[in-house]
Amino acid sequence: MEKKVFSIDGKELRTITLDDNVFGLPVNEDVIYYAITNELANKRVGTACTKTRSEVHGSNAKPYKQKGTGHARRGDKKSPITRGGGTIFGPKPRDFSYAIPKKAKRLAMKSILSLQAQSDRVVVVEDFTVESGKTKDLLKVLNNFVKDERTVVILKDDDGKIKQAGRNIRQLSFLSYNRLRAHDLFYGRKVILLESAAKNLSEFYKVEEEAK
């Protein structure tokens, strides 16, 4: 797949060939769903907690006699059928995280990249950074490619300066080429791919395929 490479000023510089094994695959919607669901589940805190009748504070005394009142028999005020009593089958702290096969996760990332490339949402930009770490300097670059839409920037490495410049931009996410997130990639309306990151992605997935 051929893509144009743009300068940070938005001018066309050259063309680059994107690896069809990463950006030209048929889109597998099922595995994308599994990957996104897995990421969301792994982010859940799982701290919701309710008290059972044994944990509710209150008297153990029988509130009224067993027979003759016309009410249902009741052992104590902590009964779940009493106002302020315990909760039946309520949530308890738990771990919602689980793992999916590496091959499935790898296929999901390549499917999303292929989907975004085929939808013409991927823009390849020459390598750049923001030495000042200032948001206004990063916005000068981004405004040449996006207009107030959810954007993902795929970096060639863990660039702290550019992340510092973009942390105040609400609709912007940064991903390193070797640590992609399915949720951010899939819902990004525009994917800005640094030129070196495009090459690194090809090498990264090629090495993984050879290691299988």
N, C-alpha and C. Protein backbone atom coordinates (compact mmCIF):
# COMPACT_ATOMS: atom_id res chain seq x y z
N MET A 1 0.84 -1.19 0.00
CA MET A 1 0.00 0.00 0.00
C MET A 1 0.89 1.25 0.00
N GLU A 2 0.64 2.13 -0.95
CA GLU A 2 1.41 3.36 -1.07
C GLU A 2 0.72 4.49 -0.31
N LYS A 3 1.51 5.23 0.47
CA LYS A 3 0.99 6.38 1.19
C LYS A 3 1.94 7.56 1.03
N LYS A 4 1.39 8.74 1.00
CA LYS A 4 2.22 9.94 0.93
C LYS A 4 2.79 10.27 2.31
N VAL A 5 4.01 10.78 2.32
CA VAL A 5 4.64 11.24 3.56
C VAL A 5 4.62 12.76 3.55
N PHE A 6 4.09 13.33 4.64
CA PHE A 6 3.97 14.78 4.72
C PHE A 6 4.99 15.36 5.70
N SER A 7 5.35 16.61 5.44
CA SER A 7 6.20 17.34 6.40
C SER A 7 5.31 17.83 7.53
N ILE A 8 5.94 18.36 8.58
CA ILE A 8 5.16 18.87 9.70
C ILE A 8 4.35 20.11 9.31
N ASP A 9 4.69 20.70 8.14
CA ASP A 9 3.93 21.85 7.64
C ASP A 9 2.77 21.43 6.76
N GLY A 10 2.60 20.11 6.56
CA GLY A 10 1.50 19.63 5.74
C GLY A 10 1.81 19.53 4.27
N LYS A 11 3.09 19.63 3.91
CA LYS A 11 3.48 19.55 2.50
C LYS A 11 3.91 18.12 2.16
N GLU A 12 3.57 17.70 0.96
CA GLU A 12 3.92 16.35 0.51
C GLU A 12 5.42 16.26 0.23
N LEU A 13 6.06 15.24 0.80
CA LEU A 13 7.50 15.07 0.62
C LEU A 13 7.84 13.92 -0.32
N ARG A 14 7.25 12.76 -0.09
CA ARG A 14 7.59 11.56 -0.84
C ARG A 14 6.49 10.53 -0.59
N THR A 15 6.69 9.33 -1.09
CA THR A 15 5.75 8.24 -0.83
C THR A 15 6.47 7.15 -0.05
N ILE A 16 5.68 6.36 0.67
CA ILE A 16 6.21 5.24 1.43
C ILE A 16 5.31 4.03 1.18
N THR A 17 5.93 2.87 1.16
CA THR A 17 5.17 1.63 0.98
C THR A 17 4.90 1.01 2.34
N LEU A 18 3.63 0.94 2.70
CA LEU A 18 3.25 0.32 3.96
C LEU A 18 3.10 -1.18 3.76
N ASP A 19 3.55 -1.94 4.74
CA ASP A 19 3.53 -3.39 4.67
C ASP A 19 2.09 -3.91 4.60
N ASP A 20 1.79 -4.67 3.54
CA ASP A 20 0.44 -5.22 3.40
C ASP A 20 0.10 -6.24 4.47
N ASN A 21 1.11 -6.83 5.10
CA ASN A 21 0.86 -7.79 6.18
C ASN A 21 0.43 -7.10 7.47
N VAL A 22 0.53 -5.77 7.50
CA VAL A 22 0.11 -4.99 8.66
C VAL A 22 -1.05 -4.06 8.31
N PHE A 23 -0.98 -3.43 7.13
CA PHE A 23 -1.96 -2.41 6.75
C PHE A 23 -2.89 -2.84 5.62
N GLY A 24 -2.70 -4.04 5.08
CA GLY A 24 -3.52 -4.45 3.94
C GLY A 24 -4.26 -5.75 4.13
N LEU A 25 -4.52 -6.12 5.38
CA LEU A 25 -5.20 -7.38 5.66
C LEU A 25 -6.72 -7.22 5.61
N PRO A 26 -7.45 -8.32 5.36
CA PRO A 26 -8.91 -8.27 5.52
C PRO A 26 -9.25 -7.98 6.99
N VAL A 27 -10.26 -7.18 7.22
CA VAL A 27 -10.61 -6.77 8.58
C VAL A 27 -11.39 -7.88 9.28
N ASN A 28 -10.87 -8.32 10.41
CA ASN A 28 -11.54 -9.35 11.22
C ASN A 28 -12.27 -8.65 12.37
N GLU A 29 -13.57 -8.43 12.19
CA GLU A 29 -14.35 -7.66 13.17
C GLU A 29 -14.48 -8.41 14.50
N ASP A 30 -14.55 -9.73 14.44
CA ASP A 30 -14.73 -10.52 15.67
C ASP A 30 -13.54 -10.35 16.60
N VAL A 31 -12.34 -10.47 16.06
CA VAL A 31 -11.16 -10.41 16.92
C VAL A 31 -10.93 -8.98 17.42
N ILE A 32 -11.37 -7.98 16.65
CA ILE A 32 -11.29 -6.60 17.13
C ILE A 32 -12.19 -6.42 18.35
N TYR A 33 -13.39 -6.98 18.27
CA TYR A 33 -14.33 -6.91 19.40
C TYR A 33 -13.73 -7.56 20.64
N TYR A 34 -13.13 -8.75 20.47
CA TYR A 34 -12.55 -9.45 21.61
C TYR A 34 -11.42 -8.64 22.24
N ALA A 35 -10.60 -8.01 21.42
CA ALA A 35 -9.46 -7.24 21.93
C ALA A 35 -9.93 -6.01 22.70
N ILE A 36 -10.92 -5.30 22.17
CA ILE A 36 -11.42 -4.09 22.85
C ILE A 36 -12.12 -4.46 24.15
N THR A 37 -12.93 -5.50 24.12
CA THR A 37 -13.61 -5.96 25.34
C THR A 37 -12.61 -6.38 26.40
N ASN A 38 -11.54 -7.04 25.99
CA ASN A 38 -10.50 -7.45 26.92
C ASN A 38 -9.81 -6.25 27.58
N GLU A 39 -9.51 -5.23 26.79
CA GLU A 39 -8.86 -4.04 27.35
C GLU A 39 -9.77 -3.33 28.35
N LEU A 40 -11.04 -3.21 28.02
CA LEU A 40 -11.97 -2.54 28.93
C LEU A 40 -12.15 -3.34 30.22
N ALA A 41 -12.21 -4.66 30.10
CA ALA A 41 -12.34 -5.50 31.29
C ALA A 41 -11.11 -5.38 32.18
N ASN A 42 -9.93 -5.32 31.57
CA ASN A 42 -8.69 -5.24 32.34
C ASN A 42 -8.55 -3.89 33.05
N LYS A 43 -9.27 -2.87 32.57
CA LYS A 43 -9.20 -1.55 33.20
C LYS A 43 -10.19 -1.42 34.36
N ARG A 44 -11.14 -2.35 34.49
CA ARG A 44 -12.13 -2.24 35.55
C ARG A 44 -11.46 -2.39 36.92
N VAL A 45 -11.86 -1.55 37.85
CA VAL A 45 -11.26 -1.57 39.18
C VAL A 45 -11.83 -2.71 40.01
N GLY A 46 -13.12 -2.94 39.91
CA GLY A 46 -13.74 -4.06 40.62
C GLY A 46 -13.77 -3.88 42.13
N THR A 47 -14.02 -2.66 42.62
CA THR A 47 -14.03 -2.41 44.06
C THR A 47 -15.44 -2.31 44.64
N ALA A 48 -16.48 -2.52 43.81
CA ALA A 48 -17.85 -2.45 44.32
C ALA A 48 -18.05 -3.50 45.41
N CYS A 49 -18.65 -3.08 46.53
CA CYS A 49 -18.78 -3.99 47.66
C CYS A 49 -20.07 -3.70 48.43
N THR A 50 -20.85 -4.74 48.67
CA THR A 50 -22.06 -4.61 49.49
C THR A 50 -21.92 -5.51 50.71
N LYS A 51 -22.73 -5.24 51.73
CA LYS A 51 -22.67 -6.03 52.96
C LYS A 51 -23.77 -7.08 52.99
N THR A 52 -23.39 -8.26 53.39
CA THR A 52 -24.38 -9.31 53.60
C THR A 52 -24.99 -9.13 54.99
N ARG A 53 -25.96 -9.96 55.36
CA ARG A 53 -26.62 -9.81 56.66
C ARG A 53 -25.65 -10.07 57.81
N SER A 54 -24.60 -10.82 57.57
CA SER A 54 -23.62 -11.07 58.64
C SER A 54 -22.69 -9.89 58.85
N GLU A 55 -22.64 -8.95 57.88
CA GLU A 55 -21.72 -7.81 57.97
C GLU A 55 -22.43 -6.52 58.36
N VAL A 56 -23.75 -6.49 58.27
CA VAL A 56 -24.49 -5.28 58.62
C VAL A 56 -24.48 -5.09 60.14
N HIS A 57 -24.27 -3.83 60.56
CA HIS A 57 -24.28 -3.53 61.99
C HIS A 57 -25.73 -3.45 62.48
N GLY A 58 -26.02 -4.16 63.56
CA GLY A 58 -27.37 -4.12 64.10
C GLY A 58 -27.56 -5.21 65.14
N SER A 59 -28.70 -5.17 65.80
CA SER A 59 -29.00 -6.11 66.86
C SER A 59 -29.35 -7.49 66.30
N ASN A 60 -29.01 -8.50 67.08
CA ASN A 60 -29.38 -9.87 66.73
C ASN A 60 -30.72 -10.28 67.34
N ALA A 61 -31.36 -9.35 68.05
CA ALA A 61 -32.61 -9.66 68.73
C ALA A 61 -33.74 -9.85 67.73
N LYS A 62 -34.65 -10.74 68.04
CA LYS A 62 -35.81 -10.96 67.18
C LYS A 62 -36.74 -9.74 67.30
N PRO A 63 -37.12 -9.09 66.19
CA PRO A 63 -37.87 -7.83 66.27
C PRO A 63 -39.30 -7.98 66.82
N TYR A 64 -39.93 -9.13 66.61
CA TYR A 64 -41.25 -9.38 67.17
C TYR A 64 -41.44 -10.89 67.26
N LYS A 65 -42.48 -11.27 67.93
CA LYS A 65 -42.66 -12.71 68.17
C LYS A 65 -42.93 -13.45 66.86
N GLN A 66 -42.72 -14.75 66.94
CA GLN A 66 -42.79 -15.58 65.74
C GLN A 66 -44.20 -15.65 65.16
N LYS A 67 -45.21 -15.79 66.02
CA LYS A 67 -46.57 -16.02 65.53
C LYS A 67 -47.55 -14.97 66.06
N GLY A 68 -48.63 -14.85 65.36
CA GLY A 68 -49.73 -14.03 65.86
C GLY A 68 -49.72 -12.59 65.41
N THR A 69 -48.71 -12.13 64.69
CA THR A 69 -48.65 -10.71 64.29
C THR A 69 -49.19 -10.48 62.88
N GLY A 70 -49.27 -11.54 62.10
CA GLY A 70 -49.69 -11.38 60.71
C GLY A 70 -48.53 -11.06 59.78
N HIS A 71 -47.34 -10.82 60.34
CA HIS A 71 -46.16 -10.54 59.52
C HIS A 71 -45.38 -11.81 59.22
N ALA A 72 -44.51 -11.73 58.23
CA ALA A 72 -43.63 -12.86 57.95
C ALA A 72 -42.66 -13.03 59.11
N ARG A 73 -42.32 -14.28 59.39
CA ARG A 73 -41.37 -14.52 60.49
C ARG A 73 -40.02 -13.92 60.12
N ARG A 74 -39.38 -13.36 61.10
CA ARG A 74 -38.12 -12.65 60.85
C ARG A 74 -37.18 -12.86 62.02
N GLY A 75 -35.93 -13.23 61.68
CA GLY A 75 -34.98 -13.53 62.74
C GLY A 75 -34.39 -12.30 63.40
N ASP A 76 -34.00 -11.31 62.60
CA ASP A 76 -33.40 -10.09 63.16
C ASP A 76 -33.56 -8.94 62.17
N LYS A 77 -33.16 -7.75 62.60
CA LYS A 77 -33.32 -6.55 61.78
C LYS A 77 -32.36 -6.51 60.60
N LYS A 78 -31.38 -7.39 60.61
CA LYS A 78 -30.39 -7.41 59.53
C LYS A 78 -30.82 -8.27 58.36
N SER A 79 -32.02 -8.79 58.41
CA SER A 79 -32.53 -9.62 57.33
C SER A 79 -32.58 -8.83 56.01
N PRO A 80 -32.26 -9.46 54.89
CA PRO A 80 -32.28 -8.75 53.60
C PRO A 80 -33.65 -8.19 53.22
N ILE A 81 -34.73 -8.71 53.79
CA ILE A 81 -36.05 -8.19 53.44
C ILE A 81 -36.44 -7.01 54.32
N THR A 82 -35.54 -6.58 55.18
CA THR A 82 -35.79 -5.43 56.05
C THR A 82 -35.05 -4.20 55.53
N ARG A 83 -35.66 -3.05 55.65
CA ARG A 83 -34.99 -1.81 55.26
C ARG A 83 -33.73 -1.63 56.09
N GLY A 84 -32.60 -1.41 55.43
CA GLY A 84 -31.34 -1.27 56.13
C GLY A 84 -30.65 -2.59 56.41
N GLY A 85 -31.26 -3.68 55.96
CA GLY A 85 -30.65 -4.98 56.17
C GLY A 85 -29.58 -5.30 55.14
N GLY A 86 -29.11 -6.54 55.17
CA GLY A 86 -28.06 -6.95 54.25
C GLY A 86 -28.55 -7.06 52.82
N THR A 87 -27.60 -7.26 51.91
CA THR A 87 -27.91 -7.39 50.48
C THR A 87 -27.71 -8.83 50.04
N ILE A 88 -28.67 -9.33 49.27
CA ILE A 88 -28.58 -10.69 48.77
C ILE A 88 -27.83 -10.70 47.44
N PHE A 89 -26.79 -11.49 47.35
CA PHE A 89 -26.03 -11.67 46.11
C PHE A 89 -25.53 -10.34 45.54
N GLY A 90 -25.14 -9.41 46.41
CA GLY A 90 -24.62 -8.13 45.93
C GLY A 90 -23.18 -8.27 45.46
N PRO A 91 -22.65 -7.23 44.78
CA PRO A 91 -21.28 -7.30 44.27
C PRO A 91 -20.25 -7.29 45.40
N LYS A 92 -19.16 -7.98 45.17
CA LYS A 92 -18.02 -8.01 46.08
C LYS A 92 -16.77 -7.68 45.28
N PRO A 93 -15.72 -7.19 45.92
CA PRO A 93 -14.48 -6.89 45.17
C PRO A 93 -14.01 -8.11 44.38
N ARG A 94 -13.68 -7.88 43.11
CA ARG A 94 -13.23 -8.98 42.27
C ARG A 94 -12.34 -8.45 41.15
N ASP A 95 -11.60 -9.34 40.56
CA ASP A 95 -10.70 -9.00 39.46
C ASP A 95 -11.38 -9.37 38.15
N PHE A 96 -11.65 -8.39 37.31
CA PHE A 96 -12.32 -8.63 36.04
C PHE A 96 -11.36 -8.94 34.90
N SER A 97 -10.07 -8.82 35.14
CA SER A 97 -9.10 -8.98 34.05
C SER A 97 -8.98 -10.43 33.61
N TYR A 98 -8.63 -10.59 32.35
CA TYR A 98 -8.37 -11.91 31.79
C TYR A 98 -7.45 -11.74 30.59
N ALA A 99 -6.87 -12.80 30.14
CA ALA A 99 -5.93 -12.75 29.02
C ALA A 99 -6.56 -13.37 27.78
N ILE A 100 -6.19 -12.83 26.62
CA ILE A 100 -6.58 -13.43 25.36
C ILE A 100 -5.32 -13.92 24.66
N PRO A 101 -5.41 -14.87 23.75
CA PRO A 101 -4.22 -15.39 23.08
C PRO A 101 -3.42 -14.29 22.38
N LYS A 102 -2.11 -14.41 22.40
CA LYS A 102 -1.24 -13.41 21.77
C LYS A 102 -1.53 -13.30 20.27
N LYS A 103 -1.80 -14.43 19.64
CA LYS A 103 -2.08 -14.41 18.20
C LYS A 103 -3.35 -13.61 17.91
N ALA A 104 -4.35 -13.73 18.78
CA ALA A 104 -5.60 -13.00 18.59
C ALA A 104 -5.37 -11.49 18.77
N LYS A 105 -4.60 -11.14 19.80
CA LYS A 105 -4.33 -9.72 20.04
C LYS A 105 -3.52 -9.12 18.89
N ARG A 106 -2.56 -9.87 18.40
CA ARG A 106 -1.73 -9.41 17.29
C ARG A 106 -2.58 -9.21 16.03
N LEU A 107 -3.47 -10.17 15.77
CA LEU A 107 -4.34 -10.05 14.61
C LEU A 107 -5.30 -8.87 14.75
N ALA A 108 -5.76 -8.60 15.97
CA ALA A 108 -6.66 -7.47 16.21
C ALA A 108 -5.99 -6.15 15.88
N MET A 109 -4.74 -5.99 16.32
CA MET A 109 -4.03 -4.74 16.06
C MET A 109 -3.82 -4.54 14.56
N LYS A 110 -3.44 -5.62 13.86
CA LYS A 110 -3.22 -5.50 12.42
C LYS A 110 -4.54 -5.26 11.68
N SER A 111 -5.62 -5.84 12.18
CA SER A 111 -6.92 -5.61 11.56
C SER A 111 -7.36 -4.16 11.71
N ILE A 112 -7.12 -3.59 12.89
CA ILE A 112 -7.51 -2.19 13.11
C ILE A 112 -6.65 -1.27 12.25
N LEU A 113 -5.35 -1.53 12.19
CA LEU A 113 -4.47 -0.71 11.35
C LEU A 113 -4.90 -0.81 9.89
N SER A 114 -5.27 -2.01 9.45
CA SER A 114 -5.73 -2.19 8.07
C SER A 114 -7.04 -1.44 7.84
N LEU A 115 -7.94 -1.51 8.81
CA LEU A 115 -9.22 -0.81 8.70
C LEU A 115 -9.02 0.69 8.58
N GLN A 116 -8.15 1.24 9.43
CA GLN A 116 -7.92 2.68 9.41
C GLN A 116 -7.23 3.11 8.11
N ALA A 117 -6.30 2.28 7.63
CA ALA A 117 -5.59 2.62 6.39
C ALA A 117 -6.54 2.55 5.20
N GLN A 118 -7.39 1.53 5.16
CA GLN A 118 -8.33 1.38 4.06
C GLN A 118 -9.43 2.43 4.10
N SER A 119 -9.69 2.99 5.29
CA SER A 119 -10.69 4.06 5.44
C SER A 119 -10.07 5.44 5.21
N ASP A 120 -8.79 5.45 4.82
CA ASP A 120 -8.06 6.70 4.53
C ASP A 120 -7.99 7.61 5.75
N ARG A 121 -7.84 7.01 6.92
CA ARG A 121 -7.70 7.80 8.14
C ARG A 121 -6.26 7.88 8.62
N VAL A 122 -5.36 7.18 7.94
CA VAL A 122 -3.95 7.16 8.35
C VAL A 122 -3.19 8.23 7.57
N VAL A 123 -2.47 9.07 8.31
CA VAL A 123 -1.62 10.10 7.70
C VAL A 123 -0.18 9.85 8.15
N VAL A 124 0.71 9.65 7.19
CA VAL A 124 2.11 9.41 7.50
C VAL A 124 2.84 10.75 7.50
N VAL A 125 3.50 11.04 8.62
CA VAL A 125 4.20 12.32 8.79
C VAL A 125 5.66 12.05 9.10
N GLU A 126 6.54 12.91 8.58
CA GLU A 126 7.96 12.76 8.87
C GLU A 126 8.19 12.80 10.39
N ASP A 127 9.26 12.18 10.83
CA ASP A 127 9.56 12.13 12.26
C ASP A 127 9.72 13.54 12.82
N PHE A 128 9.13 13.77 13.97
CA PHE A 128 9.28 15.06 14.63
C PHE A 128 9.12 14.87 16.13
N THR A 129 9.55 15.85 16.86
CA THR A 129 9.34 15.88 18.30
C THR A 129 9.05 17.32 18.70
N VAL A 130 8.76 17.54 19.96
CA VAL A 130 8.50 18.90 20.46
C VAL A 130 9.48 19.15 21.59
N GLU A 131 10.61 19.71 21.25
CA GLU A 131 11.68 19.90 22.23
C GLU A 131 11.27 20.79 23.39
N SER A 132 10.38 21.75 23.11
CA SER A 132 9.95 22.67 24.16
C SER A 132 9.00 22.01 25.14
N GLY A 133 8.33 20.95 24.70
CA GLY A 133 7.33 20.30 25.55
C GLY A 133 6.07 21.12 25.72
N LYS A 134 5.86 22.12 24.86
CA LYS A 134 4.71 23.02 24.99
C LYS A 134 3.57 22.60 24.08
N THR A 135 2.36 22.71 24.60
CA THR A 135 1.19 22.31 23.85
C THR A 135 1.01 23.13 22.59
N LYS A 136 1.27 24.42 22.65
CA LYS A 136 1.05 25.29 21.48
C LYS A 136 1.95 24.89 20.32
N ASP A 137 3.16 24.42 20.61
CA ASP A 137 4.06 24.00 19.54
C ASP A 137 3.58 22.72 18.88
N LEU A 138 3.00 21.80 19.67
CA LEU A 138 2.45 20.58 19.09
C LEU A 138 1.20 20.88 18.27
N LEU A 139 0.39 21.81 18.74
CA LEU A 139 -0.84 22.16 18.02
C LEU A 139 -0.54 22.76 16.64
N LYS A 140 0.58 23.45 16.52
CA LYS A 140 0.95 24.01 15.22
C LYS A 140 1.13 22.90 14.18
N VAL A 141 1.63 21.76 14.64
CA VAL A 141 1.82 20.62 13.74
C VAL A 141 0.48 19.91 13.49
N LEU A 142 -0.25 19.63 14.57
CA LEU A 142 -1.49 18.86 14.45
C LEU A 142 -2.54 19.58 13.62
N ASN A 143 -2.58 20.89 13.72
CA ASN A 143 -3.61 21.65 12.99
C ASN A 143 -3.46 21.54 11.48
N ASN A 144 -2.31 21.08 11.01
CA ASN A 144 -2.13 20.87 9.57
C ASN A 144 -2.77 19.58 9.08
N PHE A 145 -3.18 18.72 10.03
CA PHE A 145 -3.69 17.40 9.64
C PHE A 145 -5.07 17.07 10.23
N VAL A 146 -5.40 17.61 11.39
CA VAL A 146 -6.66 17.28 12.04
C VAL A 146 -7.36 18.55 12.49
N LYS A 147 -8.68 18.44 12.60
CA LYS A 147 -9.49 19.56 13.04
C LYS A 147 -10.45 19.10 14.13
N ASP A 148 -10.04 19.23 15.37
CA ASP A 148 -10.90 18.95 16.53
C ASP A 148 -11.61 17.60 16.40
N GLU A 149 -10.84 16.54 16.24
CA GLU A 149 -11.39 15.20 16.18
C GLU A 149 -10.47 14.25 16.95
N ARG A 150 -11.03 13.13 17.32
CA ARG A 150 -10.28 12.15 18.12
C ARG A 150 -9.09 11.65 17.31
N THR A 151 -7.89 11.85 17.85
CA THR A 151 -6.67 11.59 17.09
C THR A 151 -5.72 10.69 17.87
N VAL A 152 -5.06 9.79 17.14
CA VAL A 152 -4.05 8.92 17.72
C VAL A 152 -2.73 9.19 17.00
N VAL A 153 -1.68 9.37 17.77
CA VAL A 153 -0.34 9.55 17.21
C VAL A 153 0.48 8.31 17.56
N ILE A 154 0.99 7.62 16.54
CA ILE A 154 1.82 6.42 16.76
C ILE A 154 3.28 6.84 16.67
N LEU A 155 3.99 6.66 17.79
CA LEU A 155 5.37 7.13 17.90
C LEU A 155 6.36 6.01 17.60
N LYS A 156 7.57 6.41 17.22
CA LYS A 156 8.62 5.43 16.95
C LYS A 156 9.32 4.98 18.22
N ASP A 157 9.12 5.72 19.32
CA ASP A 157 9.68 5.33 20.61
C ASP A 157 8.89 6.04 21.71
N ASP A 158 9.36 5.90 22.92
CA ASP A 158 8.65 6.51 24.05
C ASP A 158 9.16 7.94 24.23
N ASP A 159 8.63 8.86 23.43
CA ASP A 159 9.09 10.25 23.40
C ASP A 159 8.38 11.04 24.50
N GLY A 160 9.10 11.32 25.59
CA GLY A 160 8.51 12.03 26.72
C GLY A 160 8.14 13.46 26.42
N LYS A 161 8.90 14.12 25.57
CA LYS A 161 8.65 15.54 25.27
C LYS A 161 7.34 15.74 24.51
N ILE A 162 7.11 14.90 23.52
CA ILE A 162 5.89 15.07 22.73
C ILE A 162 4.66 14.67 23.56
N LYS A 163 4.83 13.70 24.45
CA LYS A 163 3.72 13.31 25.33
C LYS A 163 3.43 14.43 26.33
N GLN A 164 4.46 15.08 26.80
CA GLN A 164 4.27 16.21 27.71
C GLN A 164 3.50 17.34 27.02
N ALA A 165 3.83 17.58 25.75
CA ALA A 165 3.16 18.65 25.01
C ALA A 165 1.70 18.32 24.74
N GLY A 166 1.37 17.02 24.65
CA GLY A 166 0.01 16.66 24.28
C GLY A 166 -0.90 16.25 25.41
N ARG A 167 -0.40 16.29 26.65
CA ARG A 167 -1.23 15.79 27.75
C ARG A 167 -2.42 16.69 28.07
N ASN A 168 -2.40 17.94 27.60
CA ASN A 168 -3.53 18.84 27.84
C ASN A 168 -4.54 18.83 26.70
N ILE A 169 -4.28 18.04 25.66
CA ILE A 169 -5.20 17.98 24.52
C ILE A 169 -6.16 16.81 24.74
N ARG A 170 -7.40 17.11 24.96
CA ARG A 170 -8.38 16.13 25.43
C ARG A 170 -8.58 14.98 24.46
N GLN A 171 -8.60 15.24 23.16
CA GLN A 171 -8.94 14.21 22.18
C GLN A 171 -7.71 13.56 21.55
N LEU A 172 -6.58 13.66 22.20
CA LEU A 172 -5.33 13.16 21.62
C LEU A 172 -4.77 12.02 22.46
N SER A 173 -4.36 10.93 21.79
CA SER A 173 -3.72 9.80 22.46
C SER A 173 -2.39 9.50 21.77
N PHE A 174 -1.41 9.08 22.57
CA PHE A 174 -0.10 8.69 22.04
C PHE A 174 0.09 7.20 22.27
N LEU A 175 0.54 6.50 21.25
CA LEU A 175 0.85 5.08 21.35
C LEU A 175 2.22 4.82 20.75
N SER A 176 3.02 4.01 21.42
CA SER A 176 4.27 3.56 20.84
C SER A 176 3.97 2.40 19.90
N TYR A 177 4.78 2.25 18.87
CA TYR A 177 4.50 1.24 17.84
C TYR A 177 4.43 -0.17 18.40
N ASN A 178 5.16 -0.43 19.50
CA ASN A 178 5.18 -1.77 20.08
C ASN A 178 4.27 -1.92 21.28
N ARG A 179 3.46 -0.90 21.59
CA ARG A 179 2.51 -0.97 22.70
C ARG A 179 1.20 -0.31 22.27
N LEU A 180 0.56 -0.91 21.28
CA LEU A 180 -0.68 -0.35 20.77
C LEU A 180 -1.86 -0.74 21.65
N ARG A 181 -2.90 0.07 21.62
CA ARG A 181 -4.13 -0.23 22.35
C ARG A 181 -5.28 -0.26 21.35
N ALA A 182 -6.00 -1.38 21.36
CA ALA A 182 -7.06 -1.58 20.38
C ALA A 182 -8.16 -0.53 20.49
N HIS A 183 -8.54 -0.19 21.72
CA HIS A 183 -9.64 0.76 21.93
C HIS A 183 -9.31 2.12 21.34
N ASP A 184 -8.14 2.65 21.66
CA ASP A 184 -7.75 3.97 21.16
C ASP A 184 -7.61 3.97 19.64
N LEU A 185 -7.00 2.91 19.11
CA LEU A 185 -6.79 2.83 17.67
C LEU A 185 -8.11 2.76 16.91
N PHE A 186 -9.02 1.94 17.40
CA PHE A 186 -10.27 1.71 16.69
C PHE A 186 -11.14 2.96 16.66
N TYR A 187 -11.20 3.69 17.77
CA TYR A 187 -12.08 4.85 17.86
C TYR A 187 -11.41 6.16 17.42
N GLY A 188 -10.16 6.10 17.01
CA GLY A 188 -9.49 7.29 16.50
C GLY A 188 -10.05 7.67 15.13
N ARG A 189 -10.45 8.91 14.98
CA ARG A 189 -10.96 9.37 13.68
C ARG A 189 -9.82 9.71 12.73
N LYS A 190 -8.63 9.91 13.29
CA LYS A 190 -7.45 10.17 12.47
C LYS A 190 -6.26 9.54 13.18
N VAL A 191 -5.41 8.85 12.40
CA VAL A 191 -4.21 8.21 12.94
C VAL A 191 -3.00 8.86 12.29
N ILE A 192 -2.21 9.57 13.08
CA ILE A 192 -0.98 10.18 12.59
C ILE A 192 0.16 9.21 12.87
N LEU A 193 0.75 8.72 11.81
CA LEU A 193 1.78 7.69 11.91
C LEU A 193 3.13 8.29 11.53
N LEU A 194 4.05 8.32 12.48
CA LEU A 194 5.38 8.83 12.17
C LEU A 194 6.07 7.87 11.19
N GLU A 195 6.89 8.42 10.32
CA GLU A 195 7.49 7.63 9.24
C GLU A 195 8.30 6.46 9.78
N SER A 196 9.12 6.70 10.80
CA SER A 196 9.92 5.62 11.37
C SER A 196 9.04 4.59 12.07
N ALA A 197 7.92 5.04 12.66
CA ALA A 197 7.01 4.11 13.32
C ALA A 197 6.39 3.15 12.32
N ALA A 198 6.12 3.64 11.10
CA ALA A 198 5.56 2.77 10.06
C ALA A 198 6.54 1.64 9.72
N LYS A 199 7.82 1.98 9.62
CA LYS A 199 8.84 0.97 9.34
C LYS A 199 9.00 0.03 10.54
N ASN A 200 8.96 0.61 11.73
CA ASN A 200 9.12 -0.21 12.94
C ASN A 200 7.97 -1.20 13.11
N LEU A 201 6.76 -0.77 12.73
CA LEU A 201 5.61 -1.67 12.84
C LEU A 201 5.80 -2.90 11.96
N SER A 202 6.30 -2.68 10.76
CA SER A 202 6.53 -3.80 9.84
C SER A 202 7.55 -4.77 10.42
N GLU A 203 8.64 -4.22 10.95
CA GLU A 203 9.68 -5.06 11.53
C GLU A 203 9.19 -5.77 12.79
N PHE A 204 8.42 -5.05 13.59
CA PHE A 204 7.92 -5.60 14.86
C PHE A 204 7.05 -6.82 14.62
N TYR A 205 6.10 -6.71 13.70
CA TYR A 205 5.20 -7.83 13.44
C TYR A 205 5.87 -8.92 12.62
N LYS A 206 6.87 -8.55 11.84
CA LYS A 206 7.62 -9.56 11.10
C LYS A 206 8.41 -10.44 12.05
N VAL A 207 9.04 -9.82 13.05
CA VAL A 207 9.80 -10.58 14.06
C VAL A 207 8.87 -11.50 14.84
N GLU A 208 7.70 -10.99 15.20
CA GLU A 208 6.73 -11.81 15.94
C GLU A 208 6.27 -13.01 15.12
N GLU A 209 6.06 -12.78 13.80
CA GLU A 209 5.63 -13.89 12.96
C GLU A 209 6.70 -14.96 12.85
N GLU A 210 7.97 -14.52 12.76
CA GLU A 210 9.06 -15.47 12.65
C GLU A 210 9.29 -16.23 13.94
N ALA A 211 8.92 -15.59 15.08
CA ALA A 211 9.15 -16.21 16.39
C ALA A 211 8.10 -17.27 16.72
N LYS A 212 6.99 -17.30 15.95
CA LYS A 212 5.92 -18.25 16.26
C LYS A 212 6.38 -19.68 16.02
